[in-house]
Amino acid sequence: MSIDSHPGTLEPETALDKGQFYRETFSMGWSHLITCLWFAWLFFYFGNVHIFYSDIWGHVSYGDWILTHQGLPQYDPFLSLAEGVKSIDAAWLSQVLFAKVYEFWGVRGLSHVFALTVFATHVLFWCAFYIKTGRVGVSTLGSFLLILISSSRIAIIRPEIFGTFCVALLLVVMAWSEKYDRWLPSADGDEDVSARKTPAPLLCSLYLGIPLIFLAWANLHGSFVVGLAILALQFLGRALEVLWRTKSLIQVCTDPWVRRWLIVTELSVCTALLNPYHMDLFLNSLLFPRNPNLKDVLEWEPLEFRDAEGIWFCMAWVMMLGLYRHSRERVRTADVLRIGLLSLSVIMGVRMIGWFSVIFVYAMVNHLATVIPRATPVYLKSGSGEKKTGSFWARRSLVMTSVCVLILWFGFAFSNIATPLFGGKPRDINKVYSEGTPRKLTEFLRAHPPQEQVWNPQWWGDWLVWDGPKDLKVFMTTNAVHLAPPRVWRDYLGIARANRGWQSVAERYNVSTFIVHKEKQVALEKQVRRLEGFRPVYEDDLALVMSREPALIEAAKASEATDKETESEQKSAATEEDQP
């Protein structure tokens, strides 16, 4: 028996057989070594991801507001220009978790939560692939393909990470169920719907575990509707398969797995309704992509086949067609339906590439297992010196097991999460924040807070709300793009792009201070420097602040005078040192 094999091997009786049994059970090979290297690298990589300066800070701000007011906001509490637009906070529980983590462990805590959650998610994905195939190497290949296709989404810290964790749990249960939810050949060679008796733990996972997943998921992130679609298509796929083979609606209605998936889907919908908004959350999650403001946001744009996501999407489809052509595994109707639905979703909005990659790889691993030949394991007794025939890649030994354990240990011991546990220095705080985070800018604004309307880049809005002065009147935030009235969003874009008449638009909103990203808004930077009555009050390599507020202008003059005085003192000191 080996780690790759399925349970069922009888326990050996003799001492010699026991020694061989344990040696074969705990011996590992090259596929296990590659798997350990892969997950050690993933753990190290996720632990080093920077905290981006965009919407994560809006979610932390929301969580802090919810904890302070002990309730959910009816309107966006940080964007005054969206006043009167009702808000449905689909990620309130994730935001509360983020806020509590920041309260106890600071920004490093957010980094650690991201690393542990995403790493655990990919371990669960690997487990689902292994349950379906029973092969370590193929499961690791599936994990690699998943990362490759969704590479543009894996390093983003936002409530979506909890949604992917929930879908990973769902797929583990579904992969387990596929061992029983399948057509088996009968004695006369015809296909029949009879299958092995479903174990009680699996039934408990179906009828209790999956609804509990959706209870949490519906309060963690709006992507729970994707999970419900996955479940509903599992039911529909099974019903269509039974109908196709039996040509009888009675057989469809009496099929045990059709009824099970229908009941599980209904229970999941009912538990998902246990959220603060009830049915409104469903409608909001389904209609959210149709918000007109989102068509100007990069991740909600239609798929461009010349972009990286488009290239990986096309390669995935080519791979799928090749596998369907050469695989001996039966194509499941539910897999085809899910891949088709999510493919259309990706074409309509590139943001869905992450969900497509999960379902695509989940459907393909069985076919990969039939195409990739399986080598018979060759077990080497350490120190015996005997020669074993067989493929080099099929050889396994206890020495390789020791190397695998060592790799996993080093992957943990040298991670940013474990370093403080062993007495090392925590990760430098400057390396936790992403490079483009305007920390010096918010430090200046806290010392000299603008009193009137501020215009700011949308991608800095959440950071300005979180780290800037209290009650700062930002123009736009990433979290409120969908809440801003369409006219406000168009006006924001007109100013950001320095379109003709942008000055009059800014005057209409009584903008007294402009915050400009110098690298990404070159045209606007040139224009705001020419504005009459405005003066540069702050500037660094990243940001420029132009204002007409007297307090900020006086602060800038005082700061400039202090800098000149300091520079003069330094020159005088240098001159005295040069004199004999």
Protein backbone atom coordinates (compact mmCIF):
# COMPACT_ATOMS: atom_id res chain seq x y z
CA MET A 1 0.00 0.00 0.00
CA SER A 2 1.26 3.50 -0.77
CA ILE A 3 0.21 7.05 -0.06
CA ASP A 4 -1.23 7.20 -3.58
CA SER A 5 -3.43 4.18 -3.15
CA HIS A 6 -6.93 4.04 -1.79
CA PRO A 7 -7.82 2.42 1.55
CA GLY A 8 -8.76 -1.21 1.62
CA THR A 9 -5.45 -3.02 2.04
CA LEU A 10 -5.55 -5.65 4.79
CA GLU A 11 -3.30 -5.21 7.80
CA PRO A 12 -0.27 -7.58 7.54
CA GLU A 13 0.14 -10.29 10.15
CA THR A 14 3.84 -11.25 10.27
CA ALA A 15 6.65 -9.01 11.53
CA LEU A 16 8.34 -9.14 8.12
CA ASP A 17 5.14 -8.18 6.37
CA LYS A 18 4.58 -5.35 8.84
CA GLY A 19 8.03 -3.91 8.14
CA GLN A 20 7.41 -3.98 4.42
CA PHE A 21 3.90 -2.58 4.94
CA TYR A 22 5.12 0.43 6.93
CA ARG A 23 8.05 1.01 4.55
CA GLU A 24 5.75 1.09 1.55
CA THR A 25 3.17 3.22 3.38
CA PHE A 26 5.60 5.96 4.40
CA SER A 27 7.94 5.88 1.40
CA MET A 28 7.69 8.88 -0.90
CA GLY A 29 8.87 9.55 -4.41
CA TRP A 30 9.59 12.35 -6.81
CA SER A 31 5.95 13.39 -7.15
CA HIS A 32 5.78 13.89 -3.38
CA LEU A 33 9.04 15.85 -3.42
CA ILE A 34 7.73 18.18 -6.15
CA THR A 35 4.48 18.61 -4.22
CA CYS A 36 6.32 19.56 -1.03
CA LEU A 37 8.51 22.03 -2.94
CA TRP A 38 5.40 23.52 -4.55
CA PHE A 39 3.53 24.09 -1.30
CA ALA A 40 6.65 25.32 0.51
CA TRP A 41 7.06 27.92 -2.25
CA LEU A 42 3.36 28.87 -2.10
CA PHE A 43 3.56 29.39 1.66
CA PHE A 44 6.65 31.57 1.28
CA TYR A 45 5.15 33.55 -1.61
CA PHE A 46 1.78 34.26 0.04
CA GLY A 47 3.57 35.32 3.21
CA ASN A 48 5.51 37.96 1.23
CA VAL A 49 2.60 39.51 -0.66
CA HIS A 50 2.38 43.27 -0.02
CA ILE A 51 -0.76 44.94 1.32
CA PHE A 52 -2.05 46.87 -1.68
CA TYR A 53 -3.13 50.48 -1.18
CA SER A 54 -6.55 50.03 -2.78
CA ASP A 55 -9.85 48.59 -1.52
CA ILE A 56 -8.52 46.46 1.38
CA TRP A 57 -8.34 49.64 3.48
CA GLY A 58 -11.92 50.48 2.59
CA HIS A 59 -12.97 47.08 3.93
CA VAL A 60 -11.00 47.65 7.13
CA SER A 61 -12.67 51.07 7.47
CA TYR A 62 -16.09 49.51 6.99
CA GLY A 63 -15.35 46.85 9.60
CA ASP A 64 -14.18 49.48 12.07
CA TRP A 65 -17.35 51.53 11.43
CA ILE A 66 -19.57 48.46 11.97
CA LEU A 67 -17.83 47.62 15.25
CA THR A 68 -18.04 51.22 16.46
CA HIS A 69 -21.72 51.72 15.58
CA GLN A 70 -22.81 48.12 16.27
CA GLY A 71 -24.77 48.00 13.04
CA LEU A 72 -24.53 47.97 9.26
CA PRO A 73 -24.41 51.27 7.32
CA GLN A 74 -27.45 52.15 5.22
CA TYR A 75 -25.37 54.54 3.12
CA ASP A 76 -21.67 54.77 2.41
CA PRO A 77 -20.26 56.44 5.55
CA PHE A 78 -17.14 57.80 3.85
CA LEU A 79 -18.30 59.18 0.50
CA SER A 80 -20.50 62.25 0.89
CA LEU A 81 -21.06 62.48 -2.88
CA ALA A 82 -22.95 59.15 -2.72
CA GLU A 83 -25.35 60.46 -0.11
CA GLY A 84 -28.85 59.02 -0.49
CA VAL A 85 -27.73 55.88 -2.38
CA LYS A 86 -28.56 52.85 -0.27
CA SER A 87 -25.72 50.44 0.37
CA ILE A 88 -25.86 46.65 0.66
CA ASP A 89 -22.71 45.52 2.41
CA ALA A 90 -22.27 42.00 1.02
CA ALA A 91 -18.92 41.48 2.79
CA TRP A 92 -19.75 42.79 6.26
CA LEU A 93 -18.48 39.72 8.13
CA SER A 94 -15.16 39.75 6.25
CA GLN A 95 -14.79 43.45 7.02
CA VAL A 96 -15.39 42.85 10.72
CA LEU A 97 -12.75 40.09 10.67
CA PHE A 98 -10.26 42.40 8.95
CA ALA A 99 -10.95 45.18 11.46
CA LYS A 100 -10.53 42.87 14.47
CA VAL A 101 -7.29 41.43 13.06
CA TYR A 102 -5.93 44.94 12.52
CA GLU A 103 -6.98 45.94 16.03
CA PHE A 104 -5.01 43.09 17.63
CA TRP A 105 -2.09 42.51 15.25
CA GLY A 106 -1.89 45.54 12.97
CA VAL A 107 -0.98 45.45 9.31
CA ARG A 108 1.21 42.36 9.79
CA GLY A 109 -1.88 40.55 11.04
CA LEU A 110 -3.69 41.35 7.77
CA SER A 111 -0.74 39.93 5.85
CA HIS A 112 -0.75 36.75 7.94
CA VAL A 113 -4.51 36.25 7.60
CA PHE A 114 -4.19 36.57 3.84
CA ALA A 115 -1.28 34.11 3.68
CA LEU A 116 -2.91 31.48 5.90
CA THR A 117 -6.33 31.75 4.23
CA VAL A 118 -5.08 31.57 0.64
CA PHE A 119 -2.58 28.81 1.43
CA ALA A 120 -5.26 26.74 3.18
CA THR A 121 -7.54 27.34 0.18
CA HIS A 122 -5.00 25.90 -2.25
CA VAL A 123 -4.32 22.95 0.03
CA LEU A 124 -8.06 22.22 -0.03
CA PHE A 125 -8.12 22.52 -3.82
CA TRP A 126 -5.26 20.00 -3.96
CA CYS A 127 -7.20 17.68 -1.64
CA ALA A 128 -10.24 17.88 -3.92
CA PHE A 129 -8.09 17.01 -6.93
CA TYR A 130 -6.48 14.12 -5.04
CA ILE A 131 -9.84 12.73 -3.94
CA LYS A 132 -10.92 12.69 -7.59
CA THR A 133 -7.73 11.18 -9.05
CA GLY A 134 -5.89 9.39 -6.23
CA ARG A 135 -2.61 10.66 -7.71
CA VAL A 136 -0.24 13.09 -6.04
CA GLY A 137 1.54 14.28 -9.19
CA VAL A 138 -1.64 14.98 -11.16
CA SER A 139 -3.15 16.86 -8.21
CA THR A 140 -0.05 19.05 -7.95
CA LEU A 141 -0.16 19.67 -11.70
CA GLY A 142 -3.79 20.76 -11.28
CA SER A 143 -2.80 23.12 -8.46
CA PHE A 144 -0.10 24.61 -10.69
CA LEU A 145 -2.54 25.10 -13.59
CA LEU A 146 -5.00 26.81 -11.26
CA ILE A 147 -2.36 29.30 -10.11
CA LEU A 148 -1.22 29.85 -13.69
CA ILE A 149 -4.65 30.63 -15.14
CA SER A 150 -5.69 32.87 -12.23
CA SER A 151 -2.26 34.50 -11.75
CA SER A 152 -3.74 38.00 -12.02
CA ARG A 153 -6.04 37.38 -9.03
CA ILE A 154 -4.03 35.45 -6.44
CA ALA A 155 -2.14 38.37 -4.85
CA ILE A 156 -5.13 40.60 -4.12
CA ILE A 157 -6.07 40.96 -0.44
CA ARG A 158 -9.83 41.45 -0.20
CA PRO A 159 -12.92 39.60 1.12
CA GLU A 160 -12.89 37.47 -2.03
CA ILE A 161 -10.24 35.26 -0.39
CA PHE A 162 -12.88 33.98 2.03
CA GLY A 163 -15.18 33.23 -0.90
CA THR A 164 -12.50 31.10 -2.59
CA PHE A 165 -11.91 29.32 0.72
CA CYS A 166 -15.62 28.45 0.86
CA VAL A 167 -15.66 27.17 -2.72
CA ALA A 168 -12.61 25.01 -1.90
CA LEU A 169 -14.53 23.41 0.98
CA LEU A 170 -17.50 22.89 -1.34
CA LEU A 171 -15.35 21.16 -3.99
CA VAL A 172 -13.81 18.81 -1.42
CA VAL A 173 -17.30 17.56 -0.50
CA MET A 174 -18.33 17.36 -4.16
CA ALA A 175 -15.19 15.42 -5.09
CA TRP A 176 -15.93 12.98 -2.27
CA SER A 177 -19.50 12.57 -3.50
CA GLU A 178 -18.35 11.75 -7.06
CA LYS A 179 -17.12 8.37 -5.84
CA TYR A 180 -20.78 7.48 -5.21
CA ASP A 181 -22.63 9.83 -7.56
CA ARG A 182 -21.78 7.92 -10.75
CA TRP A 183 -23.09 5.31 -13.16
CA LEU A 184 -21.67 1.82 -12.59
CA PRO A 185 -21.81 -1.13 -15.04
CA SER A 186 -24.33 -3.82 -14.15
CA ALA A 187 -23.81 -7.57 -14.43
CA ASP A 188 -25.06 -7.74 -18.03
CA GLY A 189 -22.73 -4.97 -19.14
CA ASP A 190 -25.37 -2.26 -19.48
CA GLU A 191 -25.05 0.94 -17.55
CA ASP A 192 -27.20 1.22 -14.48
CA VAL A 193 -27.80 3.91 -11.89
CA SER A 194 -26.93 1.61 -8.99
CA ALA A 195 -23.96 2.65 -6.91
CA ARG A 196 -22.27 1.88 -3.65
CA LYS A 197 -24.03 2.73 -0.43
CA THR A 198 -23.36 6.34 0.50
CA PRO A 199 -21.59 6.55 3.89
CA ALA A 200 -23.18 8.51 6.71
CA PRO A 201 -20.28 11.04 7.02
CA LEU A 202 -20.75 12.00 3.37
CA LEU A 203 -24.50 12.44 3.82
CA CYS A 204 -23.81 14.61 6.88
CA SER A 205 -21.37 16.71 4.82
CA LEU A 206 -23.98 17.10 2.09
CA TYR A 207 -27.04 17.91 4.18
CA LEU A 208 -25.31 19.83 6.98
CA GLY A 209 -21.80 20.81 5.91
CA ILE A 210 -22.63 22.44 2.56
CA PRO A 211 -25.55 24.53 3.92
CA LEU A 212 -23.30 25.73 6.76
CA ILE A 213 -20.68 26.72 4.18
CA PHE A 214 -23.25 28.88 2.43
CA LEU A 215 -24.44 30.34 5.72
CA ALA A 216 -20.94 31.72 6.28
CA TRP A 217 -20.28 32.47 2.61
CA ALA A 218 -23.37 34.67 2.14
CA ASN A 219 -22.14 36.92 4.96
CA LEU A 220 -18.48 36.89 3.94
CA HIS A 221 -18.67 37.79 0.25
CA GLY A 222 -21.20 38.26 -2.54
CA SER A 223 -19.60 35.49 -4.61
CA PHE A 224 -21.85 32.97 -2.82
CA VAL A 225 -24.14 33.18 -5.88
CA VAL A 226 -21.34 31.52 -7.88
CA GLY A 227 -21.34 28.68 -5.37
CA LEU A 228 -25.11 28.33 -5.65
CA ALA A 229 -24.76 28.16 -9.43
CA ILE A 230 -22.13 25.40 -9.04
CA LEU A 231 -24.54 23.42 -6.85
CA ALA A 232 -27.57 24.02 -9.08
CA LEU A 233 -25.67 22.86 -12.16
CA GLN A 234 -24.55 19.75 -10.29
CA PHE A 235 -28.24 18.93 -9.79
CA LEU A 236 -29.15 19.83 -13.37
CA GLY A 237 -26.24 17.85 -14.81
CA ARG A 238 -27.20 14.72 -12.88
CA ALA A 239 -30.85 15.07 -13.92
CA LEU A 240 -29.92 15.43 -17.60
CA GLU A 241 -27.63 12.38 -17.43
CA VAL A 242 -30.38 10.21 -15.92
CA LEU A 243 -32.90 11.51 -18.46
CA TRP A 244 -30.55 10.82 -21.38
CA ARG A 245 -29.83 7.24 -20.31
CA THR A 246 -33.29 6.20 -19.15
CA LYS A 247 -35.52 8.40 -21.31
CA SER A 248 -37.87 8.49 -18.32
CA LEU A 249 -38.92 11.42 -16.16
CA ILE A 250 -39.98 8.95 -13.48
CA GLN A 251 -36.41 7.69 -13.27
CA VAL A 252 -35.20 11.28 -12.99
CA CYS A 253 -37.57 11.96 -10.08
CA THR A 254 -36.68 8.73 -8.28
CA ASP A 255 -32.91 8.88 -8.79
CA PRO A 256 -31.34 9.24 -5.30
CA TRP A 257 -28.57 11.63 -6.35
CA VAL A 258 -30.92 13.89 -8.28
CA ARG A 259 -33.01 14.23 -5.13
CA ARG A 260 -29.94 14.70 -2.93
CA TRP A 261 -28.50 17.50 -5.02
CA LEU A 262 -31.90 19.17 -5.23
CA ILE A 263 -32.33 19.05 -1.44
CA VAL A 264 -28.75 20.27 -0.84
CA THR A 265 -29.30 23.18 -3.25
CA GLU A 266 -32.56 24.13 -1.56
CA LEU A 267 -31.01 23.94 1.92
CA SER A 268 -28.07 26.06 0.75
CA VAL A 269 -30.39 28.72 -0.67
CA CYS A 270 -32.31 28.79 2.62
CA THR A 271 -29.17 29.17 4.75
CA ALA A 272 -27.80 31.84 2.39
CA LEU A 273 -30.98 33.82 3.09
CA LEU A 274 -29.87 34.07 6.72
CA ASN A 275 -28.10 37.37 6.16
CA PRO A 276 -28.96 40.94 7.21
CA TYR A 277 -30.44 41.77 3.78
CA HIS A 278 -32.21 38.46 3.01
CA MET A 279 -33.41 38.33 -0.63
CA ASP A 280 -32.04 41.82 -1.40
CA LEU A 281 -28.53 40.40 -1.07
CA PHE A 282 -29.29 37.83 -3.79
CA LEU A 283 -30.60 40.49 -6.15
CA ASN A 284 -27.70 42.82 -5.41
CA SER A 285 -25.10 40.09 -6.05
CA LEU A 286 -26.74 39.05 -9.32
CA LEU A 287 -27.25 42.59 -10.65
CA PHE A 288 -23.97 44.02 -9.36
CA PRO A 289 -22.00 43.42 -12.62
CA ARG A 290 -24.62 45.42 -14.54
CA ASN A 291 -23.79 48.62 -12.66
CA PRO A 292 -22.94 51.20 -15.39
CA ASN A 293 -20.00 52.61 -13.42
CA LEU A 294 -18.16 49.27 -13.48
CA LYS A 295 -17.69 49.30 -17.26
CA ASP A 296 -14.86 51.82 -16.73
CA VAL A 297 -13.12 49.67 -14.06
CA LEU A 298 -10.34 47.51 -15.49
CA GLU A 299 -11.23 44.24 -13.77
CA TRP A 300 -14.86 44.48 -14.85
CA GLU A 301 -14.07 45.08 -18.51
CA PRO A 302 -14.79 42.36 -21.12
CA LEU A 303 -12.05 39.83 -21.81
CA GLU A 304 -9.33 40.98 -24.20
CA PHE A 305 -7.79 37.93 -25.87
CA ARG A 306 -4.46 39.72 -26.33
CA ASP A 307 -4.11 40.29 -22.58
CA ALA A 308 -2.56 37.75 -20.20
CA GLU A 309 -5.98 36.59 -18.98
CA GLY A 310 -7.19 36.13 -22.55
CA ILE A 311 -4.12 34.10 -23.51
CA TRP A 312 -4.49 31.75 -20.53
CA PHE A 313 -8.23 31.47 -21.15
CA CYS A 314 -7.68 30.41 -24.78
CA MET A 315 -4.93 27.96 -23.79
CA ALA A 316 -7.27 26.44 -21.18
CA TRP A 317 -9.90 25.83 -23.85
CA VAL A 318 -7.35 24.29 -26.23
CA MET A 319 -6.19 22.03 -23.40
CA MET A 320 -9.77 21.05 -22.57
CA LEU A 321 -10.58 20.09 -26.16
CA GLY A 322 -7.38 18.04 -26.38
CA LEU A 323 -8.13 16.21 -23.16
CA TYR A 324 -11.72 15.48 -24.18
CA ARG A 325 -10.36 14.06 -27.45
CA HIS A 326 -7.85 11.66 -25.86
CA SER A 327 -9.22 10.98 -22.39
CA ARG A 328 -10.91 7.68 -21.52
CA GLU A 329 -12.79 9.31 -18.63
CA ARG A 330 -16.48 10.00 -19.09
CA VAL A 331 -17.35 13.68 -19.57
CA ARG A 332 -19.79 14.77 -16.87
CA THR A 333 -22.66 16.98 -17.93
CA ALA A 334 -22.38 19.15 -14.82
CA ASP A 335 -18.73 19.96 -15.65
CA VAL A 336 -19.66 21.04 -19.18
CA LEU A 337 -22.47 23.25 -17.90
CA ARG A 338 -20.27 24.90 -15.26
CA ILE A 339 -17.37 25.52 -17.64
CA GLY A 340 -19.74 26.98 -20.22
CA LEU A 341 -21.41 29.32 -17.73
CA LEU A 342 -18.15 30.58 -16.24
CA SER A 343 -16.56 30.95 -19.68
CA LEU A 344 -19.37 33.32 -20.65
CA SER A 345 -18.85 35.16 -17.35
CA VAL A 346 -15.14 35.61 -18.06
CA ILE A 347 -15.83 36.92 -21.56
CA MET A 348 -18.23 39.48 -20.10
CA GLY A 349 -15.96 40.45 -17.18
CA VAL A 350 -12.31 39.48 -16.81
CA ARG A 351 -12.65 39.49 -13.01
CA MET A 352 -14.31 36.05 -13.24
CA ILE A 353 -11.10 34.37 -14.46
CA GLY A 354 -10.34 33.22 -10.91
CA TRP A 355 -13.63 31.33 -10.58
CA PHE A 356 -13.28 29.89 -14.08
CA SER A 357 -9.82 28.53 -13.27
CA VAL A 358 -11.13 26.69 -10.19
CA ILE A 359 -13.99 24.95 -12.02
CA PHE A 360 -11.89 24.29 -15.14
CA VAL A 361 -9.12 22.50 -13.26
CA TYR A 362 -11.63 20.63 -11.07
CA ALA A 363 -13.28 19.27 -14.24
CA MET A 364 -9.99 18.45 -16.00
CA VAL A 365 -7.96 16.58 -13.36
CA ASN A 366 -9.74 13.28 -13.99
CA HIS A 367 -8.96 13.55 -17.69
CA LEU A 368 -5.35 14.50 -16.95
CA ALA A 369 -5.07 11.34 -14.84
CA THR A 370 -6.13 9.14 -17.75
CA VAL A 371 -3.84 10.84 -20.28
CA ILE A 372 -0.73 10.91 -18.09
CA PRO A 373 0.54 7.32 -17.64
CA ARG A 374 0.70 5.94 -14.12
CA ALA A 375 3.99 4.34 -13.10
CA THR A 376 3.98 1.35 -10.76
CA PRO A 377 5.78 2.39 -7.54
CA VAL A 378 9.19 0.83 -6.90
CA TYR A 379 10.11 0.82 -3.20
CA LEU A 380 13.80 1.00 -2.29
CA LYS A 381 14.94 -0.36 1.04
CA SER A 382 17.41 2.18 2.44
CA GLY A 383 20.91 0.77 2.81
CA SER A 384 20.09 -2.53 1.10
CA GLY A 385 22.10 -1.77 -2.00
CA GLU A 386 19.84 -4.01 -4.08
CA LYS A 387 18.98 -2.89 -7.58
CA LYS A 388 15.35 -2.43 -8.46
CA THR A 389 13.98 -2.41 -11.96
CA GLY A 390 11.48 0.23 -12.92
CA SER A 391 11.23 3.86 -13.90
CA PHE A 392 13.52 6.30 -12.11
CA TRP A 393 10.53 8.58 -11.42
CA ALA A 394 8.58 5.71 -9.87
CA ARG A 395 11.14 4.92 -7.17
CA ARG A 396 10.25 5.65 -3.57
CA SER A 397 12.18 5.45 -0.34
CA LEU A 398 12.21 6.58 3.26
CA VAL A 399 15.15 8.84 2.43
CA MET A 400 12.89 10.79 0.07
CA THR A 401 10.30 10.99 2.87
CA SER A 402 12.91 12.59 5.13
CA VAL A 403 13.79 15.12 2.43
CA CYS A 404 10.09 15.99 1.97
CA VAL A 405 9.63 16.55 5.69
CA LEU A 406 12.74 18.74 5.74
CA ILE A 407 11.45 20.84 2.83
CA LEU A 408 8.12 21.41 4.54
CA TRP A 409 9.88 22.36 7.76
CA PHE A 410 12.16 24.88 6.06
CA GLY A 411 9.21 26.31 4.12
CA PHE A 412 7.49 27.01 7.43
CA ALA A 413 10.52 28.00 9.53
CA PHE A 414 11.77 30.65 7.08
CA SER A 415 8.35 32.21 6.43
CA ASN A 416 7.40 35.64 7.72
CA ILE A 417 4.69 34.05 9.85
CA ALA A 418 7.02 31.67 11.71
CA THR A 419 10.10 33.89 12.06
CA PRO A 420 8.84 35.73 15.19
CA LEU A 421 7.94 32.38 16.78
CA PHE A 422 11.61 31.36 16.68
CA GLY A 423 12.91 34.65 18.09
CA GLY A 424 13.57 36.37 14.76
CA LYS A 425 12.67 39.90 13.80
CA PRO A 426 9.17 40.49 12.41
CA ARG A 427 8.88 41.52 8.80
CA ASP A 428 9.88 45.13 8.23
CA ILE A 429 6.73 47.23 8.26
CA ASN A 430 7.91 49.08 5.14
CA LYS A 431 7.94 45.77 3.28
CA VAL A 432 4.40 44.89 4.35
CA TYR A 433 2.88 47.90 2.59
CA SER A 434 3.01 47.93 -1.20
CA GLU A 435 5.49 50.31 -2.78
CA GLY A 436 2.84 52.73 -4.06
CA THR A 437 1.13 53.30 -0.71
CA PRO A 438 1.13 57.11 -0.08
CA ARG A 439 2.01 56.91 3.61
CA LYS A 440 3.90 60.22 3.69
CA LEU A 441 0.97 61.91 1.98
CA THR A 442 -1.52 60.86 4.66
CA GLU A 443 0.98 61.84 7.35
CA PHE A 444 0.99 65.38 5.92
CA LEU A 445 -2.80 65.44 5.60
CA ARG A 446 -3.26 64.36 9.20
CA ALA A 447 -1.06 67.26 10.30
CA HIS A 448 -2.85 69.70 7.95
CA PRO A 449 -6.36 68.38 7.22
CA PRO A 450 -8.28 69.96 4.31
CA GLN A 451 -11.65 71.32 5.39
CA GLU A 452 -13.47 71.38 2.06
CA GLN A 453 -13.98 68.95 -0.84
CA VAL A 454 -10.88 67.05 -1.96
CA TRP A 455 -10.35 65.49 -5.38
CA ASN A 456 -8.30 62.30 -5.24
CA PRO A 457 -7.43 59.25 -7.37
CA GLN A 458 -10.07 56.58 -6.87
CA TRP A 459 -7.45 53.92 -6.05
CA TRP A 460 -6.10 56.04 -3.17
CA GLY A 461 -9.53 56.90 -1.78
CA ASP A 462 -9.78 53.95 0.62
CA TRP A 463 -6.29 54.56 1.99
CA LEU A 464 -7.05 58.28 2.48
CA VAL A 465 -10.21 57.38 4.40
CA TRP A 466 -8.36 54.89 6.60
CA ASP A 467 -5.05 56.65 7.23
CA GLY A 468 -5.95 60.26 6.52
CA PRO A 469 -7.60 62.83 8.79
CA LYS A 470 -11.01 62.12 10.22
CA ASP A 471 -14.00 63.25 8.09
CA LEU A 472 -11.83 63.88 5.03
CA LYS A 473 -14.17 64.66 2.12
CA VAL A 474 -12.76 62.34 -0.53
CA PHE A 475 -14.16 62.47 -4.06
CA MET A 476 -14.11 58.72 -4.83
CA THR A 477 -13.14 55.37 -3.28
CA THR A 478 -12.75 51.94 -4.83
CA ASN A 479 -15.39 50.44 -2.55
CA ALA A 480 -17.96 53.08 -3.53
CA VAL A 481 -17.57 53.12 -7.31
CA HIS A 482 -20.85 51.22 -7.66
CA LEU A 483 -22.59 53.53 -5.15
CA ALA A 484 -21.61 56.84 -6.74
CA PRO A 485 -24.34 58.36 -8.93
CA PRO A 486 -23.45 57.87 -12.63
CA ARG A 487 -23.03 61.62 -13.13
CA VAL A 488 -20.56 61.87 -10.22
CA TRP A 489 -18.58 58.96 -11.63
CA ARG A 490 -18.47 60.54 -15.11
CA ASP A 491 -17.34 63.83 -13.59
CA TYR A 492 -14.63 62.02 -11.65
CA LEU A 493 -13.36 60.41 -14.86
CA GLY A 494 -13.49 63.75 -16.69
CA ILE A 495 -11.25 65.37 -14.08
CA ALA A 496 -8.95 62.35 -13.86
CA ARG A 497 -8.40 62.39 -17.63
CA ALA A 498 -8.12 66.23 -17.72
CA ASN A 499 -10.87 66.40 -20.33
CA ARG A 500 -11.97 69.73 -21.76
CA GLY A 501 -13.90 71.75 -19.16
CA TRP A 502 -12.65 69.75 -16.20
CA GLN A 503 -11.93 72.96 -14.24
CA SER A 504 -15.57 74.02 -14.36
CA VAL A 505 -16.60 70.53 -13.25
CA ALA A 506 -14.28 70.77 -10.27
CA GLU A 507 -15.67 74.21 -9.43
CA ARG A 508 -19.18 72.77 -9.44
CA TYR A 509 -18.13 70.40 -6.63
CA ASN A 510 -16.24 73.20 -4.86
CA VAL A 511 -12.99 71.25 -4.94
CA SER A 512 -10.44 73.15 -2.87
CA THR A 513 -7.63 70.56 -2.87
CA PHE A 514 -6.32 68.27 -5.60
CA ILE A 515 -4.38 65.11 -4.81
CA VAL A 516 -2.67 63.77 -7.94
CA HIS A 517 -0.79 60.55 -8.61
CA LYS A 518 2.21 61.93 -10.50
CA GLU A 519 3.09 58.72 -12.32
CA LYS A 520 -0.41 57.68 -13.46
CA GLN A 521 -1.94 61.15 -13.97
CA VAL A 522 0.69 63.07 -15.90
CA ALA A 523 -1.78 65.17 -17.92
CA LEU A 524 -3.76 66.17 -14.84
CA GLU A 525 -0.58 67.07 -12.97
CA LYS A 526 0.41 69.54 -15.69
CA GLN A 527 -3.04 71.10 -15.66
CA VAL A 528 -3.46 71.52 -11.89
CA ARG A 529 -0.07 73.24 -11.61
CA ARG A 530 -1.49 76.03 -13.80
CA LEU A 531 -4.66 76.61 -11.77
CA GLU A 532 -5.09 80.18 -10.54
CA GLY A 533 -5.30 80.56 -6.78
CA PHE A 534 -3.87 77.08 -6.13
CA ARG A 535 -0.46 76.46 -4.66
CA PRO A 536 1.55 73.25 -4.22
CA VAL A 537 1.36 72.48 -0.51
CA TYR A 538 2.92 69.01 -0.60
CA GLU A 539 4.96 67.03 -3.10
CA ASP A 540 7.08 63.90 -3.10
CA ASP A 541 8.12 61.33 -5.69
CA LEU A 542 4.64 59.81 -5.62
CA ALA A 543 2.03 62.51 -4.98
CA LEU A 544 1.31 66.17 -5.58
CA VAL A 545 -1.14 68.21 -3.47
CA MET A 546 -2.43 71.52 -4.83
CA SER A 547 -4.72 73.58 -2.61
CA ARG A 548 -6.31 76.98 -2.29
CA GLU A 549 -7.19 76.63 1.40
CA PRO A 550 -5.37 79.35 3.40
CA ALA A 551 -4.47 77.02 6.25
CA LEU A 552 -2.72 74.55 3.96
CA ILE A 553 -0.96 77.32 2.05
CA GLU A 554 0.32 78.86 5.30
CA ALA A 555 1.45 75.43 6.47
CA ALA A 556 3.32 74.94 3.20
CA LYS A 557 5.01 78.35 3.55
CA ALA A 558 6.00 77.60 7.14
CA SER A 559 7.37 74.22 6.12
CA GLU A 560 9.29 75.79 3.24
CA ALA A 561 10.75 78.47 5.54
CA THR A 562 11.77 75.78 8.06
CA ASP A 563 13.45 73.75 5.32
CA LYS A 564 15.36 76.82 4.11
CA GLU A 565 16.46 77.68 7.64
CA THR A 566 17.63 74.10 8.23
CA GLU A 567 19.48 74.10 4.93
CA SER A 568 21.14 77.41 5.81
CA GLU A 569 22.25 76.09 9.21
CA GLN A 570 23.71 72.99 7.59
CA LYS A 571 25.67 75.12 5.10
CA SER A 572 26.97 77.34 7.91
CA ALA A 573 28.05 74.31 9.90
CA ALA A 574 29.80 72.86 6.86
CA THR A 575 31.60 76.19 6.24
CA GLU A 576 32.86 76.34 9.86
CA GLU A 577 34.20 72.81 9.60
CA ASP A 578 36.10 73.69 6.42
CA GLN A 579 37.82 76.69 8.06
CA PRO A 580 41.26 75.96 9.67
